[in-house]
């Protein structure tokens, strides 16, 4: 699968691969499943975004199903909206103390933005790693986390249980806004990462998770050097 998408960017190979699934023998169903998975893969750092765009464009120009044409039209428009180099979407969210917080305040510094859920254990492990990263880079950049829980109570419980997590951690669902952070960043599921530069544009979209090595990028940006010791001559 990775080779078909990342290296070959071949719709034909992907179609042949999926045809081997006994539940995907129907052509229209198989195409729909491919489309929906391409959308999720686009926001997974393990997949090449340019390859996914190419495959999606191919479906868009060859599909005979109007619904699939509309779906891929929508996908391509949103893919290009979240391209690195474009302005990062600004949003409002609920702060830990109930006030309305604006992502605009993050402008002027590099910012690592992540989305998580208290119901997703993997994202909670990443939050612990973000806490470590913040200790190291808080003088150089911002960290902003957005909770995608449905329940405000579970968000508040998480905040109460983790008093040492003192960076901006906000709640996605807030009234009175046209689009939430999750909608603006096209987040699928409950986990996503983005790196925004000090000019307010997307540097990595998507970015890698802490456990997948985002610190290497931080080191490259801020030219962090490891201390070395020279062995003396005896």
C-alpha atoms as a PDB file:
ATOM      1  CA  UNK A   1       0.000   0.000   0.000  1.00  0.00           C
ATOM      2  CA  UNK A   2       2.738   2.483   0.949  1.00  0.00           C
ATOM      3  CA  UNK A   3       4.677   1.788  -2.253  1.00  0.00           C
ATOM      4  CA  UNK A   4       1.558   2.046  -4.412  1.00  0.00           C
ATOM      5  CA  UNK A   5       0.726   5.459  -2.982  1.00  0.00           C
ATOM      6  CA  UNK A   6       4.011   7.060  -1.955  1.00  0.00           C
ATOM      7  CA  UNK A   7       6.245   5.862  -4.782  1.00  0.00           C
ATOM      8  CA  UNK A   8       4.029   4.882  -7.699  1.00  0.00           C
ATOM      9  CA  UNK A   9       1.060   7.214  -7.105  1.00  0.00           C
ATOM     10  CA  UNK A  10      -0.896   4.793  -9.267  1.00  0.00           C
ATOM     11  CA  UNK A  11      -4.686   4.679  -9.198  1.00  0.00           C
ATOM     12  CA  UNK A  12      -4.652   1.527 -11.307  1.00  0.00           C
ATOM     13  CA  UNK A  13      -2.390  -0.319  -8.862  1.00  0.00           C
ATOM     14  CA  UNK A  14      -4.431   0.916  -5.909  1.00  0.00           C
ATOM     15  CA  UNK A  15      -7.627  -0.217  -7.596  1.00  0.00           C
ATOM     16  CA  UNK A  16      -6.147  -3.651  -8.326  1.00  0.00           C
ATOM     17  CA  UNK A  17      -4.933  -3.950  -4.736  1.00  0.00           C
ATOM     18  CA  UNK A  18      -8.363  -3.125  -3.296  1.00  0.00           C
ATOM     19  CA  UNK A  19     -10.106  -5.429  -5.763  1.00  0.00           C
ATOM     20  CA  UNK A  20      -8.478  -8.315  -3.903  1.00  0.00           C
ATOM     21  CA  UNK A  21     -10.737  -7.591  -0.921  1.00  0.00           C
ATOM     22  CA  UNK A  22     -13.826  -9.801  -1.080  1.00  0.00           C
ATOM     23  CA  UNK A  23     -15.992  -6.918   0.135  1.00  0.00           C
ATOM     24  CA  UNK A  24     -14.791  -4.526  -2.569  1.00  0.00           C
ATOM     25  CA  UNK A  25     -15.710  -6.389  -5.735  1.00  0.00           C
ATOM     26  CA  UNK A  26     -18.308  -3.765  -6.644  1.00  0.00           C
ATOM     27  CA  UNK A  27     -16.641  -1.017  -8.720  1.00  0.00           C
ATOM     28  CA  UNK A  28     -18.573   1.959  -7.329  1.00  0.00           C
ATOM     29  CA  UNK A  29     -18.218   0.828  -3.700  1.00  0.00           C
ATOM     30  CA  UNK A  30     -14.503   0.207  -4.181  1.00  0.00           C
ATOM     31  CA  UNK A  31     -14.019   3.670  -5.660  1.00  0.00           C
ATOM     32  CA  UNK A  32     -15.891   5.277  -2.762  1.00  0.00           C
ATOM     33  CA  UNK A  33     -13.784   3.404  -0.198  1.00  0.00           C
ATOM     34  CA  UNK A  34     -10.610   4.506  -1.984  1.00  0.00           C
ATOM     35  CA  UNK A  35     -11.784   8.126  -1.991  1.00  0.00           C
ATOM     36  CA  UNK A  36     -12.606   8.133   1.713  1.00  0.00           C
ATOM     37  CA  UNK A  37      -9.299   6.515   2.629  1.00  0.00           C
ATOM     38  CA  UNK A  38      -7.340   8.967   0.485  1.00  0.00           C
ATOM     39  CA  UNK A  39      -8.868  11.784   2.522  1.00  0.00           C
ATOM     40  CA  UNK A  40      -7.670  10.226   5.791  1.00  0.00           C
ATOM     41  CA  UNK A  41      -4.253   9.346   4.363  1.00  0.00           C
ATOM     42  CA  UNK A  42      -3.686  12.936   3.266  1.00  0.00           C
ATOM     43  CA  UNK A  43      -3.565  14.009   6.914  1.00  0.00           C
ATOM     44  CA  UNK A  44      -1.347  11.099   7.925  1.00  0.00           C
ATOM     45  CA  UNK A  45       2.338  12.159   7.806  1.00  0.00           C
ATOM     46  CA  UNK A  46       3.330   8.649   6.714  1.00  0.00           C
ATOM     47  CA  UNK A  47       1.786   9.230   3.285  1.00  0.00           C
ATOM     48  CA  UNK A  48       3.039  11.516   0.518  1.00  0.00           C
ATOM     49  CA  UNK A  49       0.549  14.347   0.045  1.00  0.00           C
ATOM     50  CA  UNK A  50       1.553  15.023  -3.569  1.00  0.00           C
ATOM     51  CA  UNK A  51       0.930  11.380  -4.469  1.00  0.00           C
ATOM     52  CA  UNK A  52      -2.485  11.452  -2.810  1.00  0.00           C
ATOM     53  CA  UNK A  53      -3.361  14.641  -4.685  1.00  0.00           C
ATOM     54  CA  UNK A  54      -2.338  12.986  -7.961  1.00  0.00           C
ATOM     55  CA  UNK A  55      -4.467   9.893  -7.324  1.00  0.00           C
ATOM     56  CA  UNK A  56      -7.435  12.009  -6.204  1.00  0.00           C
ATOM     57  CA  UNK A  57      -7.127  14.164  -9.336  1.00  0.00           C
ATOM     58  CA  UNK A  58      -7.100  11.027 -11.471  1.00  0.00           C
ATOM     59  CA  UNK A  59     -10.310   9.782  -9.856  1.00  0.00           C
ATOM     60  CA  UNK A  60     -11.838  13.234 -10.301  1.00  0.00           C
ATOM     61  CA  UNK A  61     -11.238  13.191 -14.061  1.00  0.00           C
ATOM     62  CA  UNK A  62     -12.129   9.548 -14.705  1.00  0.00           C
ATOM     63  CA  UNK A  63     -15.035   8.723 -12.373  1.00  0.00           C
ATOM     64  CA  UNK A  64     -18.444   8.155 -13.926  1.00  0.00           C
ATOM     65  CA  UNK A  65     -20.246   8.712 -10.628  1.00  0.00           C
ATOM     66  CA  UNK A  66     -21.391  12.288  -9.998  1.00  0.00           C
ATOM     67  CA  UNK A  67     -21.244  11.935  -6.197  1.00  0.00           C
ATOM     68  CA  UNK A  68     -17.619  10.815  -6.434  1.00  0.00           C
ATOM     69  CA  UNK A  69     -16.853  13.742  -8.723  1.00  0.00           C
ATOM     70  CA  UNK A  70     -18.276  16.145  -6.115  1.00  0.00           C
ATOM     71  CA  UNK A  71     -16.397  14.427  -3.279  1.00  0.00           C
ATOM     72  CA  UNK A  72     -13.048  14.622  -5.051  1.00  0.00           C
ATOM     73  CA  UNK A  73     -13.733  18.244  -6.059  1.00  0.00           C
ATOM     74  CA  UNK A  74     -14.217  19.056  -2.379  1.00  0.00           C
ATOM     75  CA  UNK A  75     -11.111  17.113  -1.378  1.00  0.00           C
ATOM     76  CA  UNK A  76      -8.860  18.819  -3.903  1.00  0.00           C
ATOM     77  CA  UNK A  77     -10.055  22.281  -2.878  1.00  0.00           C
ATOM     78  CA  UNK A  78      -9.335  21.515   0.769  1.00  0.00           C
ATOM     79  CA  UNK A  79      -6.029  19.798   0.030  1.00  0.00           C
ATOM     80  CA  UNK A  80      -4.764  22.950  -1.621  1.00  0.00           C
ATOM     81  CA  UNK A  81      -6.135  25.115   1.204  1.00  0.00           C
ATOM     82  CA  UNK A  82      -3.912  23.284   3.694  1.00  0.00           C
ATOM     83  CA  UNK A  83      -0.745  23.297   1.590  1.00  0.00           C
ATOM     84  CA  UNK A  84       2.518  24.284   3.314  1.00  0.00           C
ATOM     85  CA  UNK A  85       3.213  27.934   2.599  1.00  0.00           C
ATOM     86  CA  UNK A  86      -0.411  28.997   2.828  1.00  0.00           C
ATOM     87  CA  UNK A  87      -1.797  30.980   5.785  1.00  0.00           C
ATOM     88  CA  UNK A  88      -2.672  28.824   8.783  1.00  0.00           C
ATOM     89  CA  UNK A  89      -6.410  29.021   9.524  1.00  0.00           C
ATOM     90  CA  UNK A  90      -7.176  31.233  12.499  1.00  0.00           C
ATOM     91  CA  UNK A  91      -9.820  29.993  14.921  1.00  0.00           C
ATOM     92  CA  UNK A  92     -11.515  30.487  18.265  1.00  0.00           C
ATOM     93  CA  UNK A  93     -11.828  27.845  20.986  1.00  0.00           C
ATOM     94  CA  UNK A  94     -12.844  27.601  24.625  1.00  0.00           C
ATOM     95  CA  UNK A  95      -9.995  28.148  27.066  1.00  0.00           C
ATOM     96  CA  UNK A  96      -9.438  26.141  30.226  1.00  0.00           C
ATOM     97  CA  UNK A  97     -11.091  28.882  32.302  1.00  0.00           C
ATOM     98  CA  UNK A  98     -14.141  29.228  30.056  1.00  0.00           C
ATOM     99  CA  UNK A  99     -13.121  32.274  28.055  1.00  0.00           C
ATOM    100  CA  UNK A 100     -12.960  32.513  24.279  1.00  0.00           C
ATOM    101  CA  UNK A 101      -9.387  32.075  23.055  1.00  0.00           C
ATOM    102  CA  UNK A 102      -8.054  33.163  19.666  1.00  0.00           C
ATOM    103  CA  UNK A 103      -5.301  31.393  17.745  1.00  0.00           C
ATOM    104  CA  UNK A 104      -4.268  34.839  16.478  1.00  0.00           C
ATOM    105  CA  UNK A 105      -2.275  35.269  19.698  1.00  0.00           C
ATOM    106  CA  UNK A 106       0.138  32.587  18.487  1.00  0.00           C
ATOM    107  CA  UNK A 107       1.292  34.716  15.547  1.00  0.00           C
ATOM    108  CA  UNK A 108       4.845  36.001  15.638  1.00  0.00           C
ATOM    109  CA  UNK A 109       6.404  32.749  16.881  1.00  0.00           C
ATOM    110  CA  UNK A 110       6.727  29.248  15.559  1.00  0.00           C
ATOM    111  CA  UNK A 111       3.774  27.203  16.815  1.00  0.00           C
ATOM    112  CA  UNK A 112       3.223  23.470  17.159  1.00  0.00           C
ATOM    113  CA  UNK A 113      -0.520  22.823  17.018  1.00  0.00           C
ATOM    114  CA  UNK A 114      -1.946  19.444  17.947  1.00  0.00           C
ATOM    115  CA  UNK A 115      -5.424  17.951  18.224  1.00  0.00           C
ATOM    116  CA  UNK A 116      -6.148  15.232  20.781  1.00  0.00           C
ATOM    117  CA  UNK A 117      -8.898  13.469  22.701  1.00  0.00           C
ATOM    118  CA  UNK A 118      -9.056  12.107  26.224  1.00  0.00           C
ATOM    119  CA  UNK A 119     -10.706   9.040  24.667  1.00  0.00           C
ATOM    120  CA  UNK A 120      -7.656   8.338  22.499  1.00  0.00           C
ATOM    121  CA  UNK A 121      -4.830   6.881  24.578  1.00  0.00           C
ATOM    122  CA  UNK A 122      -2.251   7.374  21.831  1.00  0.00           C
ATOM    123  CA  UNK A 123      -2.910  11.109  21.759  1.00  0.00           C
ATOM    124  CA  UNK A 124      -2.618  11.258  25.548  1.00  0.00           C
ATOM    125  CA  UNK A 125       0.841   9.676  25.325  1.00  0.00           C
ATOM    126  CA  UNK A 126       1.760  12.358  22.803  1.00  0.00           C
ATOM    127  CA  UNK A 127       0.557  15.069  25.202  1.00  0.00           C
ATOM    128  CA  UNK A 128       3.088  13.838  27.761  1.00  0.00           C
ATOM    129  CA  UNK A 129       5.807  14.118  25.129  1.00  0.00           C
ATOM    130  CA  UNK A 130       4.609  17.617  24.227  1.00  0.00           C
ATOM    131  CA  UNK A 131       5.037  18.569  27.882  1.00  0.00           C
ATOM    132  CA  UNK A 132       8.689  17.503  27.630  1.00  0.00           C
ATOM    133  CA  UNK A 133       9.173  19.377  24.357  1.00  0.00           C
ATOM    134  CA  UNK A 134       7.687  22.525  25.828  1.00  0.00           C
ATOM    135  CA  UNK A 135      10.181  22.496  28.699  1.00  0.00           C
ATOM    136  CA  UNK A 136      12.956  22.490  26.131  1.00  0.00           C
ATOM    137  CA  UNK A 137      11.562  24.915  23.544  1.00  0.00           C
ATOM    138  CA  UNK A 138       9.163  27.221  25.404  1.00  0.00           C
ATOM    139  CA  UNK A 139      11.533  30.186  25.007  1.00  0.00           C
ATOM    140  CA  UNK A 140      11.615  29.654  21.256  1.00  0.00           C
ATOM    141  CA  UNK A 141       8.092  28.648  20.216  1.00  0.00           C
ATOM    142  CA  UNK A 142       4.440  28.215  21.155  1.00  0.00           C
ATOM    143  CA  UNK A 143       2.559  25.018  21.840  1.00  0.00           C
ATOM    144  CA  UNK A 144      -1.218  24.934  21.445  1.00  0.00           C
ATOM    145  CA  UNK A 145      -3.394  21.848  21.986  1.00  0.00           C
ATOM    146  CA  UNK A 146      -7.056  21.475  21.031  1.00  0.00           C
ATOM    147  CA  UNK A 147      -9.224  18.834  22.702  1.00  0.00           C
ATOM    148  CA  UNK A 148     -11.748  17.159  20.399  1.00  0.00           C
ATOM    149  CA  UNK A 149     -13.872  15.524  23.103  1.00  0.00           C
ATOM    150  CA  UNK A 150     -17.633  15.741  22.718  1.00  0.00           C
ATOM    151  CA  UNK A 151     -17.978  16.328  26.446  1.00  0.00           C
ATOM    152  CA  UNK A 152     -16.819  19.529  28.110  1.00  0.00           C
ATOM    153  CA  UNK A 153     -16.796  17.654  31.431  1.00  0.00           C
ATOM    154  CA  UNK A 154     -14.175  15.169  30.247  1.00  0.00           C
ATOM    155  CA  UNK A 155     -12.032  18.061  29.004  1.00  0.00           C
ATOM    156  CA  UNK A 156     -12.283  19.862  32.348  1.00  0.00           C
ATOM    157  CA  UNK A 157     -11.457  16.660  34.239  1.00  0.00           C
ATOM    158  CA  UNK A 158      -8.364  16.205  32.093  1.00  0.00           C
ATOM    159  CA  UNK A 159      -7.237  19.768  32.790  1.00  0.00           C
ATOM    160  CA  UNK A 160      -7.785  19.281  36.532  1.00  0.00           C
ATOM    161  CA  UNK A 161      -5.835  16.014  36.522  1.00  0.00           C
ATOM    162  CA  UNK A 162      -2.867  17.520  34.679  1.00  0.00           C
ATOM    163  CA  UNK A 163      -2.025  20.849  36.372  1.00  0.00           C
ATOM    164  CA  UNK A 164       1.564  20.729  35.086  1.00  0.00           C
ATOM    165  CA  UNK A 165       0.312  20.953  31.496  1.00  0.00           C
ATOM    166  CA  UNK A 166       0.302  24.726  31.605  1.00  0.00           C
ATOM    167  CA  UNK A 167       0.470  25.640  27.916  1.00  0.00           C
ATOM    168  CA  UNK A 168      -2.714  26.689  26.032  1.00  0.00           C
ATOM    169  CA  UNK A 169      -5.000  23.647  25.966  1.00  0.00           C
ATOM    170  CA  UNK A 170      -8.374  24.523  24.505  1.00  0.00           C
ATOM    171  CA  UNK A 171     -11.727  22.861  23.897  1.00  0.00           C
ATOM    172  CA  UNK A 172     -12.797  22.614  20.256  1.00  0.00           C
ATOM    173  CA  UNK A 173     -16.575  22.889  20.596  1.00  0.00           C
ATOM    174  CA  UNK A 174     -17.537  26.496  21.238  1.00  0.00           C
ATOM    175  CA  UNK A 175     -20.724  28.337  20.413  1.00  0.00           C
ATOM    176  CA  UNK A 176     -20.995  31.397  18.230  1.00  0.00           C
ATOM    177  CA  UNK A 177     -18.320  30.533  15.654  1.00  0.00           C
ATOM    178  CA  UNK A 178     -18.870  29.671  11.995  1.00  0.00           C
ATOM    179  CA  UNK A 179     -16.283  26.890  11.961  1.00  0.00           C
ATOM    180  CA  UNK A 180     -14.410  25.115  14.718  1.00  0.00           C
ATOM    181  CA  UNK A 181     -10.670  24.486  14.708  1.00  0.00           C
ATOM    182  CA  UNK A 182     -11.307  20.866  13.745  1.00  0.00           C
ATOM    183  CA  UNK A 183     -13.346  21.926  10.733  1.00  0.00           C
ATOM    184  CA  UNK A 184     -10.889  24.594   9.618  1.00  0.00           C
ATOM    185  CA  UNK A 185      -7.966  22.182   9.782  1.00  0.00           C
ATOM    186  CA  UNK A 186      -9.943  19.318   8.198  1.00  0.00           C
ATOM    187  CA  UNK A 187      -9.077  16.983  11.067  1.00  0.00           C
ATOM    188  CA  UNK A 188     -10.284  13.428  10.583  1.00  0.00           C
ATOM    189  CA  UNK A 189     -10.654  11.425  13.780  1.00  0.00           C
ATOM    190  CA  UNK A 190      -9.114  12.734  16.993  1.00  0.00           C
ATOM    191  CA  UNK A 191      -5.438  13.256  16.204  1.00  0.00           C
ATOM    192  CA  UNK A 192      -3.532  15.732  14.037  1.00  0.00           C
ATOM    193  CA  UNK A 193      -0.388  17.868  14.129  1.00  0.00           C
ATOM    194  CA  UNK A 194       0.625  21.060  12.324  1.00  0.00           C
ATOM    195  CA  UNK A 195       3.698  23.273  12.446  1.00  0.00           C
ATOM    196  CA  UNK A 196       3.155  26.971  11.767  1.00  0.00           C
ATOM    197  CA  UNK A 197       6.007  29.411  11.241  1.00  0.00           C
ATOM    198  CA  UNK A 198       6.486  32.824  12.799  1.00  0.00           C
ATOM    199  CA  UNK A 199       4.812  34.467   9.798  1.00  0.00           C
ATOM    200  CA  UNK A 200       1.593  32.549  10.427  1.00  0.00           C
ATOM    201  CA  UNK A 201       1.902  30.202   7.462  1.00  0.00           C
ATOM    202  CA  UNK A 202       1.814  26.415   7.429  1.00  0.00           C
ATOM    203  CA  UNK A 203       5.340  25.013   7.562  1.00  0.00           C
ATOM    204  CA  UNK A 204       4.398  21.333   7.948  1.00  0.00           C
ATOM    205  CA  UNK A 205       0.855  20.297   7.095  1.00  0.00           C
ATOM    206  CA  UNK A 206       0.502  17.729   8.438  1.00  0.00           C
ATOM    207  CA  UNK A 207       3.423  17.650  10.857  1.00  0.00           C
ATOM    208  CA  UNK A 208       4.777  14.574  12.578  1.00  0.00           C
ATOM    209  CA  UNK A 209       3.857  13.606  16.122  1.00  0.00           C
ATOM    210  CA  UNK A 210       6.373  13.923  18.970  1.00  0.00           C
ATOM    211  CA  UNK A 211       6.874  10.158  18.998  1.00  0.00           C
ATOM    212  CA  UNK A 212       7.589  10.214  15.249  1.00  0.00           C
ATOM    213  CA  UNK A 213      10.441  12.700  15.545  1.00  0.00           C
ATOM    214  CA  UNK A 214       9.120  16.261  15.287  1.00  0.00           C
ATOM    215  CA  UNK A 215      12.003  17.336  17.544  1.00  0.00           C
ATOM    216  CA  UNK A 216      14.433  16.793  14.664  1.00  0.00           C
ATOM    217  CA  UNK A 217      12.579  19.543  12.811  1.00  0.00           C
ATOM    218  CA  UNK A 218      12.663  21.809  15.857  1.00  0.00           C
ATOM    219  CA  UNK A 219      16.417  21.281  16.141  1.00  0.00           C
ATOM    220  CA  UNK A 220      16.878  22.172  12.475  1.00  0.00           C
ATOM    221  CA  UNK A 221      14.794  25.345  12.821  1.00  0.00           C
ATOM    222  CA  UNK A 222      16.443  26.619  15.968  1.00  0.00           C
ATOM    223  CA  UNK A 223      19.890  25.170  15.254  1.00  0.00           C
ATOM    224  CA  UNK A 224      19.998  23.309  18.559  1.00  0.00           C
ATOM    225  CA  UNK A 225      23.393  21.731  19.020  1.00  0.00           C
ATOM    226  CA  UNK A 226      24.126  18.779  21.215  1.00  0.00           C
ATOM    227  CA  UNK A 227      26.830  19.262  23.786  1.00  0.00           C
ATOM    228  CA  UNK A 228      29.905  17.224  23.032  1.00  0.00           C
ATOM    229  CA  UNK A 229      32.792  16.337  25.277  1.00  0.00           C
ATOM    230  CA  UNK A 230      36.307  15.778  24.061  1.00  0.00           C
ATOM    231  CA  UNK A 231      38.216  12.841  25.356  1.00  0.00           C
ATOM    232  CA  UNK A 232      41.472  13.936  26.906  1.00  0.00           C
ATOM    233  CA  UNK A 233      44.811  12.353  26.069  1.00  0.00           C
ATOM    234  CA  UNK A 234      46.219  10.343  28.894  1.00  0.00           C
END
